[in-house]
């Protein structure tokens, strides 16, 4: 039976025009003329038997039914594009895993380990995009998420299951030039140095000094950075002492760009989890990827939430 589906070109023109509410800007995006966009949308309206746009003094605006149709069309076009990109990326062989991930953990921890996945499972391609907060899997193309949070936050992520990969352990680090050739600084020494602050962990230094039993009036003072990668970069430049998860600075420690200022780590409440939708069946590629992630932690038994 012939499917009741309009042309893809017409749908692409409609999607672009709906997002911009402008035929001119849609034409620019699609590298078409304004007249071509207008003709495609006119043909789509005739196919549907309804108006999608109405004329205004400033151009066009979606009708109520047009806005509803646009909301339905956009994710389907996005899904079709994603399917096409998947086929192109794997050249028709193997499968893809779409991963949402917190950026620094993905850059510093996951990506350096991906060559190991490729060696063991060359048929799996991993696509990574940034996400820092929980989301509805059904409304995105993601198969899984690498998420940093507390056990309570993970348990409250509706419709998902999670496996703990690592607990976060922060340690003070700095450029070797700040230690003045000392093997290790005392917490009292560190309290006198410039402290690099993490804007997403405003109480980090205060908590660390409290755990050491040290009074540090300037625990909240110092420049603030949004990402751990920024804080680590500032520390390598000798700008101060950073309190960062050890697992995110493995490269800098190995190169000697950073040293542990005081080997008194503080284990936090946050951990790094692999989160997947709670579905009856899971794609083979996703199952393989999750299993590979868990087996990386040879010294830690997986914890399911």
Protein backbone atom coordinates (compact mmCIF):
# COMPACT_ATOMS: atom_id res chain seq x y z
CA UNK A 1 0.00 0.00 0.00
CA UNK A 2 1.31 3.41 -0.91
CA UNK A 3 2.24 5.46 2.16
CA UNK A 4 0.50 8.77 2.77
CA UNK A 5 3.73 10.73 3.19
CA UNK A 6 4.57 14.12 1.63
CA UNK A 7 7.90 14.73 -0.05
CA UNK A 8 10.97 14.96 2.15
CA UNK A 9 11.97 18.23 0.45
CA UNK A 10 8.62 19.76 1.37
CA UNK A 11 8.97 18.62 4.97
CA UNK A 12 12.52 19.99 5.18
CA UNK A 13 11.33 23.37 3.87
CA UNK A 14 8.44 23.40 6.31
CA UNK A 15 10.67 22.47 9.26
CA UNK A 16 13.14 25.25 8.49
CA UNK A 17 10.42 27.82 7.87
CA UNK A 18 8.64 26.79 11.08
CA UNK A 19 11.80 27.21 13.17
CA UNK A 20 12.60 30.63 11.71
CA UNK A 21 9.02 31.69 10.91
CA UNK A 22 10.56 33.08 7.76
CA UNK A 23 10.69 31.77 4.21
CA UNK A 24 13.75 33.90 3.54
CA UNK A 25 15.81 32.49 6.42
CA UNK A 26 14.62 28.97 5.62
CA UNK A 27 15.83 29.46 2.05
CA UNK A 28 19.22 30.65 3.31
CA UNK A 29 19.57 27.62 5.57
CA UNK A 30 18.65 25.17 2.81
CA UNK A 31 20.55 26.97 0.02
CA UNK A 32 17.35 27.45 -1.96
CA UNK A 33 15.50 30.44 -3.31
CA UNK A 34 12.64 31.94 -1.32
CA UNK A 35 10.31 31.07 -4.21
CA UNK A 36 11.34 27.40 -4.05
CA UNK A 37 10.60 27.26 -0.32
CA UNK A 38 7.24 28.95 -0.84
CA UNK A 39 6.28 26.49 -3.60
CA UNK A 40 7.25 23.48 -1.46
CA UNK A 41 5.16 24.71 1.47
CA UNK A 42 2.21 25.53 -0.79
CA UNK A 43 2.37 21.98 -2.15
CA UNK A 44 2.55 20.59 1.40
CA UNK A 45 -0.48 22.63 2.46
CA UNK A 46 -2.39 21.30 -0.57
CA UNK A 47 -1.32 17.74 0.33
CA UNK A 48 -2.51 18.18 3.93
CA UNK A 49 -5.60 20.21 3.10
CA UNK A 50 -4.83 22.88 5.70
CA UNK A 51 -2.95 26.14 6.12
CA UNK A 52 0.38 25.90 7.92
CA UNK A 53 1.29 29.58 7.87
CA UNK A 54 -0.55 32.89 7.84
CA UNK A 55 0.79 36.12 6.40
CA UNK A 56 1.79 38.92 8.79
CA UNK A 57 3.18 42.39 8.36
CA UNK A 58 6.64 41.01 9.13
CA UNK A 59 6.43 37.85 7.03
CA UNK A 60 4.77 34.60 8.06
CA UNK A 61 3.67 32.95 11.31
CA UNK A 62 2.60 29.41 12.05
CA UNK A 63 -1.09 28.70 12.36
CA UNK A 64 -2.21 26.72 15.40
CA UNK A 65 -2.43 23.53 13.34
CA UNK A 66 0.87 24.37 11.67
CA UNK A 67 2.60 24.70 15.03
CA UNK A 68 1.22 21.33 16.15
CA UNK A 69 2.38 19.68 12.92
CA UNK A 70 5.84 21.28 13.25
CA UNK A 71 6.26 19.74 16.71
CA UNK A 72 5.51 16.32 15.23
CA UNK A 73 7.66 16.68 12.14
CA UNK A 74 10.83 18.07 13.73
CA UNK A 75 11.81 15.04 15.88
CA UNK A 76 11.03 12.65 13.02
CA UNK A 77 13.30 14.55 10.64
CA UNK A 78 15.97 14.63 13.33
CA UNK A 79 15.61 10.88 13.82
CA UNK A 80 15.84 10.25 10.08
CA UNK A 81 18.96 12.41 9.90
CA UNK A 82 20.47 10.54 12.86
CA UNK A 83 19.73 7.17 11.23
CA UNK A 84 21.40 8.37 8.05
CA UNK A 85 24.48 9.62 9.91
CA UNK A 86 24.68 6.29 11.76
CA UNK A 87 24.64 4.37 8.52
CA UNK A 88 27.32 6.65 7.08
CA UNK A 89 29.53 6.46 10.19
CA UNK A 90 29.49 2.66 10.28
CA UNK A 91 29.52 2.22 6.48
CA UNK A 92 26.73 -0.31 6.83
CA UNK A 93 28.78 -2.46 9.21
CA UNK A 94 28.40 -2.64 12.97
CA UNK A 95 26.27 -0.50 15.26
CA UNK A 96 26.37 2.89 16.93
CA UNK A 97 25.88 3.94 20.54
CA UNK A 98 24.66 7.49 21.18
CA UNK A 99 26.03 8.68 24.49
CA UNK A 100 25.20 11.78 26.52
CA UNK A 101 28.04 12.67 28.85
CA UNK A 102 29.34 15.24 31.28
CA UNK A 103 32.06 16.99 29.28
CA UNK A 104 35.20 16.79 31.41
CA UNK A 105 34.67 13.15 32.38
CA UNK A 106 34.12 12.24 28.74
CA UNK A 107 37.20 14.17 27.60
CA UNK A 108 39.57 13.20 30.39
CA UNK A 109 38.46 9.68 31.31
CA UNK A 110 36.34 8.04 28.62
CA UNK A 111 37.89 9.15 25.32
CA UNK A 112 41.46 8.09 26.25
CA UNK A 113 40.04 4.60 26.88
CA UNK A 114 37.96 4.33 23.69
CA UNK A 115 40.85 2.87 21.65
CA UNK A 116 40.55 -0.15 23.94
CA UNK A 117 36.88 -0.50 23.00
CA UNK A 118 37.75 -0.19 19.31
CA UNK A 119 40.37 -2.93 19.66
CA UNK A 120 37.95 -5.31 21.34
CA UNK A 121 34.79 -4.34 19.44
CA UNK A 122 35.66 -2.66 16.14
CA UNK A 123 32.04 -2.95 15.03
CA UNK A 124 30.83 -0.42 17.65
CA UNK A 125 30.92 3.32 17.01
CA UNK A 126 30.36 5.68 19.94
CA UNK A 127 28.89 9.16 19.34
CA UNK A 128 29.17 11.59 22.26
CA UNK A 129 27.27 14.78 23.02
CA UNK A 130 27.28 16.93 26.14
CA UNK A 131 24.54 16.65 28.76
CA UNK A 132 24.97 17.50 32.43
CA UNK A 133 21.44 16.99 33.74
CA UNK A 134 18.85 14.19 33.63
CA UNK A 135 16.55 14.10 30.60
CA UNK A 136 13.81 11.96 29.10
CA UNK A 137 15.44 9.33 26.89
CA UNK A 138 12.29 9.01 24.81
CA UNK A 139 12.63 12.61 23.69
CA UNK A 140 16.27 12.32 22.59
CA UNK A 141 18.34 10.06 20.31
CA UNK A 142 20.54 8.93 23.23
CA UNK A 143 20.99 5.28 24.17
CA UNK A 144 22.83 5.93 27.43
CA UNK A 145 24.34 8.68 29.58
CA UNK A 146 27.52 9.10 31.56
CA UNK A 147 26.23 11.07 34.50
CA UNK A 148 27.89 12.63 37.54
CA UNK A 149 25.70 12.95 40.61
CA UNK A 150 24.69 11.65 44.01
CA UNK A 151 22.97 8.27 44.50
CA UNK A 152 19.75 10.12 45.32
CA UNK A 153 19.89 12.11 42.10
CA UNK A 154 20.42 8.94 40.09
CA UNK A 155 17.57 7.12 41.83
CA UNK A 156 15.26 10.05 41.07
CA UNK A 157 15.98 9.85 37.33
CA UNK A 158 12.67 8.38 36.25
CA UNK A 159 12.49 5.45 33.85
CA UNK A 160 16.19 4.57 34.02
CA UNK A 161 18.62 2.12 35.56
CA UNK A 162 22.16 3.04 36.54
CA UNK A 163 25.46 1.32 37.28
CA UNK A 164 28.08 3.04 39.41
CA UNK A 165 31.45 3.24 37.67
CA UNK A 166 33.51 5.38 40.05
CA UNK A 167 33.05 7.39 43.21
CA UNK A 168 34.50 10.86 43.07
CA UNK A 169 37.61 11.52 45.15
CA UNK A 170 39.06 15.03 45.11
CA UNK A 171 42.66 15.89 45.91
CA UNK A 172 44.59 19.20 46.05
CA UNK A 173 46.97 19.63 43.10
CA UNK A 174 49.19 22.40 41.84
CA UNK A 175 52.09 23.21 39.57
CA UNK A 176 55.44 21.91 40.88
CA UNK A 177 56.66 25.50 41.09
CA UNK A 178 54.23 26.23 43.96
CA UNK A 179 55.63 23.49 46.21
CA UNK A 180 59.14 25.00 46.36
CA UNK A 181 60.67 21.53 45.97
CA UNK A 182 58.76 20.17 48.99
CA UNK A 183 57.52 16.61 48.54
CA UNK A 184 54.19 17.57 50.05
CA UNK A 185 52.52 20.62 51.55
CA UNK A 186 50.56 20.65 54.77
CA UNK A 187 46.92 21.75 54.81
CA UNK A 188 48.10 24.82 56.73
CA UNK A 189 50.53 25.62 53.89
CA UNK A 190 47.76 25.24 51.30
CA UNK A 191 45.47 27.58 53.26
CA UNK A 192 48.01 30.34 52.65
CA UNK A 193 48.19 29.80 48.86
CA UNK A 194 45.78 31.07 46.16
CA UNK A 195 42.86 28.66 45.94
CA UNK A 196 41.23 27.93 42.58
CA UNK A 197 37.49 27.56 42.99
CA UNK A 198 35.04 25.32 41.12
CA UNK A 199 31.82 27.27 40.54
CA UNK A 200 29.73 24.09 40.58
CA UNK A 201 31.30 23.03 43.92
CA UNK A 202 31.30 26.30 45.84
CA UNK A 203 31.85 24.57 49.20
CA UNK A 204 34.58 22.20 48.00
CA UNK A 205 37.58 23.83 49.63
CA UNK A 206 35.74 24.57 52.88
CA UNK A 207 34.74 20.91 53.16
CA UNK A 208 38.30 19.76 52.48
CA UNK A 209 39.82 22.04 55.13
CA UNK A 210 37.15 21.00 57.65
CA UNK A 211 38.03 17.34 57.02
CA UNK A 212 41.68 18.18 57.81
CA UNK A 213 40.74 20.08 60.96
CA UNK A 214 42.31 23.28 59.62
CA UNK A 215 40.93 26.79 59.95
CA UNK A 216 40.99 28.42 56.51
CA UNK A 217 39.33 31.88 56.47
CA UNK A 218 39.99 32.23 52.72
CA UNK A 219 38.50 28.85 51.76
CA UNK A 220 35.85 30.51 49.59
CA UNK A 221 38.16 33.09 48.02
CA UNK A 222 39.84 32.87 44.64
CA UNK A 223 38.96 32.81 40.93
CA UNK A 224 36.10 30.53 39.92
CA UNK A 225 35.91 28.25 36.90
CA UNK A 226 32.90 26.36 35.58
CA UNK A 227 34.64 23.17 34.38
CA UNK A 228 37.22 20.99 36.10
CA UNK A 229 39.28 21.13 32.90
CA UNK A 230 39.50 24.91 33.32
CA UNK A 231 40.49 24.61 36.97
CA UNK A 232 43.17 22.05 36.12
CA UNK A 233 44.50 24.24 33.30
CA UNK A 234 44.76 27.21 35.67
CA UNK A 235 46.63 25.03 38.18
CA UNK A 236 49.17 23.92 35.57
CA UNK A 237 49.90 27.61 34.91
CA UNK A 238 50.83 28.11 38.55
CA UNK A 239 47.79 30.27 39.34
CA UNK A 240 46.98 28.41 42.54
CA UNK A 241 45.97 25.10 44.10
CA UNK A 242 43.03 23.21 42.59
CA UNK A 243 40.78 20.67 44.27
CA UNK A 244 39.85 18.23 41.51
CA UNK A 245 38.95 14.56 41.08
CA UNK A 246 42.16 12.59 40.65
CA UNK A 247 40.71 10.57 37.76
CA UNK A 248 40.33 13.75 35.67
CA UNK A 249 43.98 14.79 35.88
CA UNK A 250 45.76 11.51 35.17
CA UNK A 251 47.51 12.96 32.12
CA UNK A 252 48.79 16.09 33.91
CA UNK A 253 50.07 14.02 36.84
CA UNK A 254 51.84 11.57 34.51
CA UNK A 255 53.53 14.42 32.62
CA UNK A 256 54.56 16.19 35.81
CA UNK A 257 52.55 19.29 34.88
CA UNK A 258 50.66 18.88 38.15
CA UNK A 259 51.67 17.32 41.45
CA UNK A 260 49.59 16.30 44.42
CA UNK A 261 50.05 19.13 46.88
CA UNK A 262 48.78 17.14 49.86
CA UNK A 263 47.90 13.48 49.56
CA UNK A 264 44.78 13.65 51.69
CA UNK A 265 41.94 12.90 49.30
CA UNK A 266 38.37 13.62 50.23
CA UNK A 267 35.72 11.22 49.01
CA UNK A 268 32.57 13.02 48.04
CA UNK A 269 28.96 11.97 47.69
CA UNK A 270 29.04 12.19 43.91
CA UNK A 271 29.85 9.31 41.61
CA UNK A 272 30.05 8.65 37.88
CA UNK A 273 27.32 6.39 36.52
CA UNK A 274 26.35 4.79 33.25
CA UNK A 275 22.60 5.37 32.93
CA UNK A 276 20.34 3.59 30.44
CA UNK A 277 16.58 3.55 29.80
CA UNK A 278 14.66 0.91 31.70
CA UNK A 279 13.56 -1.07 28.64
CA UNK A 280 12.57 -4.70 28.30
CA UNK A 281 15.20 -5.29 25.61
CA UNK A 282 18.52 -3.56 25.06
CA UNK A 283 20.43 -3.32 21.80
CA UNK A 284 23.43 -5.64 21.58
CA UNK A 285 25.85 -2.75 20.95
CA UNK A 286 24.62 -0.90 24.04
CA UNK A 287 24.87 -3.99 26.23
CA UNK A 288 28.41 -4.59 24.98
CA UNK A 289 29.40 -0.98 25.62
CA UNK A 290 28.00 -0.96 29.17
CA UNK A 291 29.70 -4.26 29.96
CA UNK A 292 33.01 -2.91 28.65
CA UNK A 293 32.68 0.21 30.80
CA UNK A 294 32.03 -1.84 33.92
CA UNK A 295 34.92 -4.21 33.30
CA UNK A 296 37.30 -1.22 33.15
CA UNK A 297 36.86 -0.96 36.89
CA UNK A 298 38.63 -4.20 37.76
CA UNK A 299 38.99 -3.29 41.41
CA UNK A 300 35.41 -2.26 41.96
CA UNK A 301 32.32 -4.45 41.96
CA UNK A 302 29.53 -2.85 39.90
CA UNK A 303 26.76 -1.29 41.94
CA UNK A 304 23.28 -1.18 40.42
CA UNK A 305 20.78 1.54 41.33
